[in-house]
C-alpha atoms as a PDB file:
ATOM      1  CA  ARG A   1       4.167  42.911 -39.520  1.00  0.00           C
ATOM      2  CA  ALA A   2       3.819  40.378 -36.750  1.00  0.00           C
ATOM      3  CA  ALA A   3       1.645  41.267 -33.792  1.00  0.00           C
ATOM      4  CA  GLY A   4       4.288  39.972 -31.398  1.00  0.00           C
ATOM      5  CA  ARG A   5       4.310  37.061 -29.028  1.00  0.00           C
ATOM      6  CA  GLY A   6       1.141  36.829 -26.974  1.00  0.00           C
ATOM      7  CA  MET A   7      -0.666  39.472 -29.004  1.00  0.00           C
ATOM      8  CA  ARG A   8      -3.711  38.557 -31.050  1.00  0.00           C
ATOM      9  CA  ARG A   9      -5.040  40.301 -34.111  1.00  0.00           C
ATOM     10  CA  TRP A  10      -8.662  40.492 -35.059  1.00  0.00           C
ATOM     11  CA  PRO A  11      -9.856  39.093 -38.431  1.00  0.00           C
ATOM     12  CA  ALA A  12      -7.254  38.871 -41.184  1.00  0.00           C
ATOM     13  CA  GLY A  13      -7.358  41.314 -44.063  1.00  0.00           C
ATOM     14  CA  ARG A  14      -8.287  44.340 -41.960  1.00  0.00           C
ATOM     15  CA  ARG A  15      -6.041  47.368 -42.177  1.00  0.00           C
ATOM     16  CA  PRO A  16      -4.646  49.053 -39.041  1.00  0.00           C
ATOM     17  CA  GLY A  17      -6.694  51.952 -37.774  1.00  0.00           C
ATOM     18  CA  VAL A  18     -10.001  50.636 -39.146  1.00  0.00           C
ATOM     19  CA  GLY A  19     -11.345  49.568 -35.776  1.00  0.00           C
ATOM     20  CA  TRP A  20      -9.778  46.122 -35.450  1.00  0.00           C
ATOM     21  CA  PRO A  21      -7.596  46.334 -32.332  1.00  0.00           C
ATOM     22  CA  VAL A  22      -4.627  44.260 -31.286  1.00  0.00           C
ATOM     23  CA  LEU A  23      -5.356  42.510 -27.977  1.00  0.00           C
ATOM     24  CA  VAL A  24      -2.381  42.475 -25.625  1.00  0.00           C
ATOM     25  CA  PRO A  25      -2.616  40.224 -22.543  1.00  0.00           C
ATOM     26  CA  VAL A  26      -1.402  41.900 -19.338  1.00  0.00           C
ATOM     27  CA  ARG A  27      -1.412  39.380 -16.515  1.00  0.00           C
ATOM     28  CA  GLY A  28       0.390  38.580 -13.294  1.00  0.00           C
ATOM     29  CA  ARG A  29       3.807  39.541 -12.090  1.00  0.00           C
ATOM     30  CA  ARG A  30       6.294  40.608 -14.730  1.00  0.00           C
ATOM     31  CA  SER A  31       9.941  41.436 -14.424  1.00  0.00           C
ATOM     32  CA  ALA A  32      11.096  44.981 -15.166  1.00  0.00           C
ATOM     33  CA  GLY A  33      12.556  43.691 -18.438  1.00  0.00           C
ATOM     34  CA  ASP A  34       9.240  42.085 -19.420  1.00  0.00           C
ATOM     35  CA  VAL A  35       7.391  45.347 -18.774  1.00  0.00           C
ATOM     36  CA  MET A  36       9.949  47.315 -20.808  1.00  0.00           C
ATOM     37  CA  ARG A  37       9.631  44.889 -23.747  1.00  0.00           C
ATOM     38  CA  LEU A  38       5.830  44.945 -23.554  1.00  0.00           C
ATOM     39  CA  THR A  39       5.792  48.759 -23.448  1.00  0.00           C
ATOM     40  CA  ALA A  40       8.156  48.926 -26.449  1.00  0.00           C
ATOM     41  CA  GLN A  41       5.978  46.494 -28.441  1.00  0.00           C
ATOM     42  CA  ILE A  42       2.817  48.462 -27.681  1.00  0.00           C
ATOM     43  CA  GLY A  43       4.567  51.744 -28.510  1.00  0.00           C
ATOM     44  CA  GLN A  44       5.572  50.376 -31.908  1.00  0.00           C
ATOM     45  CA  LEU A  45       1.997  49.244 -32.574  1.00  0.00           C
ATOM     46  CA  TRP A  46       0.708  52.748 -31.724  1.00  0.00           C
ATOM     47  CA  ARG A  47       3.346  54.374 -33.928  1.00  0.00           C
ATOM     48  CA  ASN A  48       2.143  52.130 -36.776  1.00  0.00           C
ATOM     49  CA  GLY A  49      -1.428  53.371 -36.322  1.00  0.00           C
ATOM     50  CA  GLU A  50      -2.772  50.295 -34.539  1.00  0.00           C
ATOM     51  CA  ARG A  51      -5.473  50.433 -31.877  1.00  0.00           C
ATOM     52  CA  VAL A  52      -4.361  48.458 -28.818  1.00  0.00           C
ATOM     53  CA  ILE A  53      -6.476  46.950 -26.041  1.00  0.00           C
ATOM     54  CA  CYS A  54      -4.693  45.632 -22.948  1.00  0.00           C
ATOM     55  CA  ASP A  55      -6.611  42.557 -21.845  1.00  0.00           C
ATOM     56  CA  VAL A  56      -6.493  42.103 -18.055  1.00  0.00           C
ATOM     57  CA  ARG A  57      -7.877  38.746 -16.983  1.00  0.00           C
ATOM     58  CA  GLY A  58      -7.677  37.217 -13.559  1.00  0.00           C
ATOM     59  CA  THR A  59      -6.283  39.126 -10.631  1.00  0.00           C
ATOM     60  CA  CYS A  60      -5.410  42.765 -11.156  1.00  0.00           C
ATOM     61  CA  ASP A  61      -2.343  42.831  -8.882  1.00  0.00           C
ATOM     62  CA  LEU A  62       0.528  45.281  -8.425  1.00  0.00           C
ATOM     63  CA  GLY A  63       2.462  43.756 -11.317  1.00  0.00           C
ATOM     64  CA  VAL A  64      -0.445  44.427 -13.664  1.00  0.00           C
ATOM     65  CA  LEU A  65      -0.898  47.955 -12.271  1.00  0.00           C
ATOM     66  CA  ASP A  66       2.814  48.684 -12.771  1.00  0.00           C
ATOM     67  CA  ALA A  67       2.645  47.556 -16.394  1.00  0.00           C
ATOM     68  CA  LEU A  68      -0.546  49.555 -17.039  1.00  0.00           C
ATOM     69  CA  ALA A  69       0.952  52.684 -15.455  1.00  0.00           C
ATOM     70  CA  ARG A  70       4.016  52.500 -17.697  1.00  0.00           C
ATOM     71  CA  ILE A  71       1.920  51.845 -20.799  1.00  0.00           C
ATOM     72  CA  ALA A  72      -0.454  54.709 -19.860  1.00  0.00           C
ATOM     73  CA  LEU A  73       2.534  57.069 -19.556  1.00  0.00           C
ATOM     74  CA  LEU A  74       3.696  56.067 -23.035  1.00  0.00           C
ATOM     75  CA  SER A  75       0.177  56.547 -24.420  1.00  0.00           C
ATOM     76  CA  ARG A  76       0.132  60.122 -23.109  1.00  0.00           C
ATOM     77  CA  ARG A  77       3.537  60.802 -24.654  1.00  0.00           C
ATOM     78  CA  LEU A  78       2.261  59.530 -28.006  1.00  0.00           C
ATOM     79  CA  GLY A  79      -1.054  61.388 -27.740  1.00  0.00           C
ATOM     80  CA  THR A  80      -3.280  58.325 -27.680  1.00  0.00           C
ATOM     81  CA  TRP A  81      -5.470  56.488 -25.172  1.00  0.00           C
ATOM     82  CA  LEU A  82      -4.752  53.231 -23.421  1.00  0.00           C
ATOM     83  CA  HIS A  83      -7.781  50.958 -23.671  1.00  0.00           C
ATOM     84  CA  VAL A  84      -8.083  48.256 -21.019  1.00  0.00           C
ATOM     85  CA  ARG A  85     -10.494  45.329 -20.970  1.00  0.00           C
ATOM     86  CA  ALA A  86     -11.054  43.698 -17.582  1.00  0.00           C
ATOM     87  CA  GLU A  87     -13.404  40.975 -16.416  1.00  0.00           C
ATOM     88  CA  GLN A  88     -13.785  42.112 -12.826  1.00  0.00           C
ATOM     89  CA  ALA A  89     -15.582  45.172 -11.526  1.00  0.00           C
ATOM     90  CA  ASP A  90     -12.927  45.273  -8.768  1.00  0.00           C
ATOM     91  CA  ALA A  91     -10.388  46.274 -11.411  1.00  0.00           C
ATOM     92  CA  GLU A  92     -12.268  49.541 -11.923  1.00  0.00           C
ATOM     93  CA  ARG A  93     -12.152  50.409  -8.216  1.00  0.00           C
ATOM     94  CA  LEU A  94      -8.470  49.477  -7.984  1.00  0.00           C
ATOM     95  CA  LEU A  95      -7.613  51.654 -10.977  1.00  0.00           C
ATOM     96  CA  GLU A  96      -9.534  54.562  -9.429  1.00  0.00           C
ATOM     97  CA  LEU A  97      -7.734  54.090  -6.103  1.00  0.00           C
ATOM     98  CA  THR A  98      -4.318  54.238  -7.786  1.00  0.00           C
ATOM     99  CA  GLY A  99      -5.247  57.179 -10.016  1.00  0.00           C
ATOM    100  CA  LEU A 100      -4.902  55.186 -13.239  1.00  0.00           C
ATOM    101  CA  ALA A 101      -8.600  55.382 -14.130  1.00  0.00           C
ATOM    102  CA  SER A 102      -8.176  58.916 -15.482  1.00  0.00           C
ATOM    103  CA  ALA A 103      -5.252  57.843 -17.684  1.00  0.00           C
ATOM    104  CA  LEU A 104      -7.032  55.066 -19.555  1.00  0.00           C
ATOM    105  CA  ARG A 105     -10.326  53.852 -20.924  1.00  0.00           C
ATOM    106  CA  LEU A 106     -11.645  50.828 -19.084  1.00  0.00           C
ATOM    107  CA  GLU A 107     -14.204  48.316 -20.288  1.00  0.00           C
ATOM    108  CA  VAL A 108     -15.438  45.979 -17.556  1.00  0.00           C
ATOM    109  CA  ARG A 109     -16.818  42.855 -19.224  1.00  0.00           C
ATOM    110  CA  GLU A 110     -18.670  41.592 -16.136  1.00  0.00           C
ATOM    111  CA  THR A 111     -20.959  44.613 -15.873  1.00  0.00           C
ATOM    112  CA  GLY A 112     -20.798  45.726 -19.481  1.00  0.00           C
ATOM    113  CA  CYS A 113     -19.984  49.304 -18.504  1.00  0.00           C
ATOM    114  CA  SER A 114     -17.357  51.538 -20.026  1.00  0.00           C
ATOM    115  CA  THR A 115     -15.680  54.254 -17.968  1.00  0.00           C
ATOM    116  CA  GLY A 116     -12.685  56.521 -17.927  1.00  0.00           C
ATOM    117  CA  GLY A 117     -11.171  59.328 -20.004  1.00  0.00           C
END
């Protein structure tokens, strides 16, 4: 099984569901089609038992928030959590402002804190 374009697996030889997540970059503006494809790819990974972390680097803009909201909705439908890794503490405040903080688990690399669901 390929991880998909832009997705990175952790060390080879590890089985899904054993704590080695698939990192999925979520950055910048994306078209509606891009978001739909990304959501479908992540949904398939979850259905296959993979742990997924959406990696938000750089600016957390409306395009990123839109993608995260759609992925968070799918995670709820599938009964799993959306894990998000961000490098800016501002991302945490922005996610709280939009109401997304309660729908995902956020790890802010800059401060080393972990918050959310």
